[in-house]
Protein backbone atom coordinates (compact mmCIF):
# COMPACT_ATOMS: atom_id res chain seq x y z
CA VAL A 1 6.32 88.46 22.94
CA GLN A 2 6.38 88.78 19.17
CA LEU A 3 5.31 86.08 16.76
CA GLN A 4 6.48 85.98 13.16
CA ALA A 5 4.65 83.63 10.81
CA SER A 6 5.83 82.61 7.37
CA GLY A 7 5.39 79.95 4.73
CA GLY A 8 2.09 80.91 3.17
CA GLY A 9 1.54 81.21 -0.53
CA LEU A 10 -0.41 80.07 -3.56
CA VAL A 11 -0.78 76.32 -3.99
CA GLN A 12 -2.87 74.11 -6.22
CA PRO A 13 -5.59 71.87 -4.80
CA GLY A 14 -4.04 68.72 -3.40
CA GLY A 15 -0.77 70.47 -2.68
CA SER A 16 1.10 71.03 0.55
CA LEU A 17 2.56 73.88 2.53
CA ARG A 18 4.47 74.17 5.78
CA LEU A 19 3.85 77.23 7.89
CA SER A 20 6.33 78.36 10.54
CA CYS A 21 5.96 80.72 13.46
CA THR A 22 8.90 81.89 15.51
CA ALA A 23 8.47 83.53 18.89
CA SER A 24 10.64 86.06 20.65
CA GLY A 25 11.43 85.85 24.33
CA ASN A 26 12.40 82.86 26.44
CA SER A 27 9.05 81.35 27.44
CA PHE A 28 8.25 79.42 24.30
CA SER A 29 8.84 76.00 25.81
CA ILE A 30 6.13 76.45 28.47
CA ALA A 31 3.56 78.06 26.19
CA MET A 32 0.64 76.48 24.42
CA MET A 33 0.88 77.25 20.72
CA GLY A 34 -1.91 77.26 18.20
CA TRP A 35 -2.78 77.99 14.60
CA TYR A 36 -6.00 79.74 13.65
CA ARG A 37 -7.34 80.76 10.29
CA GLN A 38 -9.74 83.37 9.05
CA ALA A 39 -11.38 83.31 5.66
CA PRO A 40 -12.89 86.50 4.18
CA GLY A 41 -16.15 87.35 5.91
CA LYS A 42 -15.78 84.61 8.49
CA GLN A 43 -14.63 84.40 12.09
CA ARG A 44 -11.19 83.31 13.14
CA ASP A 45 -11.22 79.61 14.01
CA LEU A 46 -8.78 77.38 15.85
CA ILE A 47 -7.50 74.59 13.63
CA ALA A 48 -4.63 73.08 15.61
CA ARG A 49 -3.00 73.45 19.01
CA ILE A 50 -0.02 71.92 20.79
CA THR A 51 0.70 72.09 24.50
CA SER A 52 4.05 72.33 26.23
CA LEU A 53 3.85 68.55 26.71
CA ASN A 54 3.25 68.04 22.97
CA THR A 55 -0.40 67.10 23.34
CA THR A 56 -2.16 68.07 20.13
CA TYR A 57 -5.67 69.03 19.10
CA TYR A 58 -7.08 69.32 15.60
CA ALA A 59 -10.34 70.75 14.36
CA ASN A 60 -12.52 68.29 12.49
CA SER A 61 -12.22 70.37 9.34
CA VAL A 62 -8.49 69.64 9.04
CA LYS A 63 -8.02 66.39 10.96
CA GLY A 64 -5.95 63.91 8.98
CA ARG A 65 -4.57 66.61 6.65
CA VAL A 66 -2.71 68.82 9.10
CA THR A 67 0.13 68.25 11.56
CA ILE A 68 1.25 70.71 14.22
CA SER A 69 4.69 70.38 15.77
CA ARG A 70 7.13 72.46 17.76
CA ASP A 71 10.86 72.90 18.14
CA ASN A 72 11.55 74.46 21.51
CA ALA A 73 15.23 74.96 20.73
CA LYS A 74 14.20 77.21 17.84
CA SER A 75 11.15 78.72 19.56
CA THR A 76 9.21 77.72 16.47
CA VAL A 77 5.89 76.03 15.87
CA TYR A 78 5.07 74.45 12.52
CA LEU A 79 1.88 73.61 10.68
CA GLN A 80 2.14 71.06 7.89
CA LEU A 81 -0.82 71.37 5.54
CA ASN A 82 -1.47 68.51 3.12
CA SER A 83 -4.18 67.69 0.59
CA LEU A 84 -5.13 71.34 0.49
CA LYS A 85 -8.58 72.33 -0.71
CA PRO A 86 -9.91 75.66 -1.99
CA GLU A 87 -11.87 76.00 1.25
CA ASP A 88 -8.56 76.07 3.13
CA THR A 89 -7.92 79.51 1.65
CA ALA A 90 -7.53 81.93 4.54
CA VAL A 91 -5.12 84.02 6.53
CA TYR A 92 -3.40 81.72 9.00
CA TYR A 93 -2.47 83.14 12.40
CA CYS A 94 -0.08 81.86 14.99
CA ASN A 95 -1.16 82.11 18.61
CA MET A 96 0.71 81.79 21.87
CA ASN A 97 -1.14 81.26 25.13
CA LEU A 98 1.15 82.03 28.03
CA TYR A 99 -0.06 82.49 31.61
CA ALA A 100 -3.64 82.78 30.27
CA ARG A 101 -2.69 85.64 27.97
CA ASP A 102 -2.95 85.43 24.20
CA TYR A 103 -0.37 86.73 21.76
CA TRP A 104 -0.89 86.90 18.00
CA GLY A 105 1.27 87.07 14.93
CA GLU A 106 0.37 89.09 11.85
CA GLY A 107 -0.77 86.11 9.83
CA THR A 108 0.27 84.53 6.58
CA GLN A 109 -1.98 84.14 3.53
CA VAL A 110 -2.68 80.68 2.15
CA THR A 111 -4.48 80.55 -1.18
CA VAL A 112 -5.52 77.25 -2.70
CA SER A 113 -6.47 77.64 -6.32
CA SER A 114 -5.83 76.13 -9.72
């Protein structure tokens, strides 16, 4: 499995971004997909997750500002980021959990700054 994330960039505070992550292979529809982020000097934290049945979870730090969704036909998971704050600056990583094994993408940088 390979995961390719995209959509990061520089955005002003209060702005929005949509991250995408496309998976190779043919098991996407049964996998649990997640987005993590890692700021400089900090650990990598889970911020959102979506199961194969479209049940979602959000970390308190982003709840109400972030939406995770998936398109099984495109093997793609999305992360809509709204009302971005400087503290959202981090590398965002896509994760696939399939048969209790984790797969990671390379990450995409999100920088929130004026």
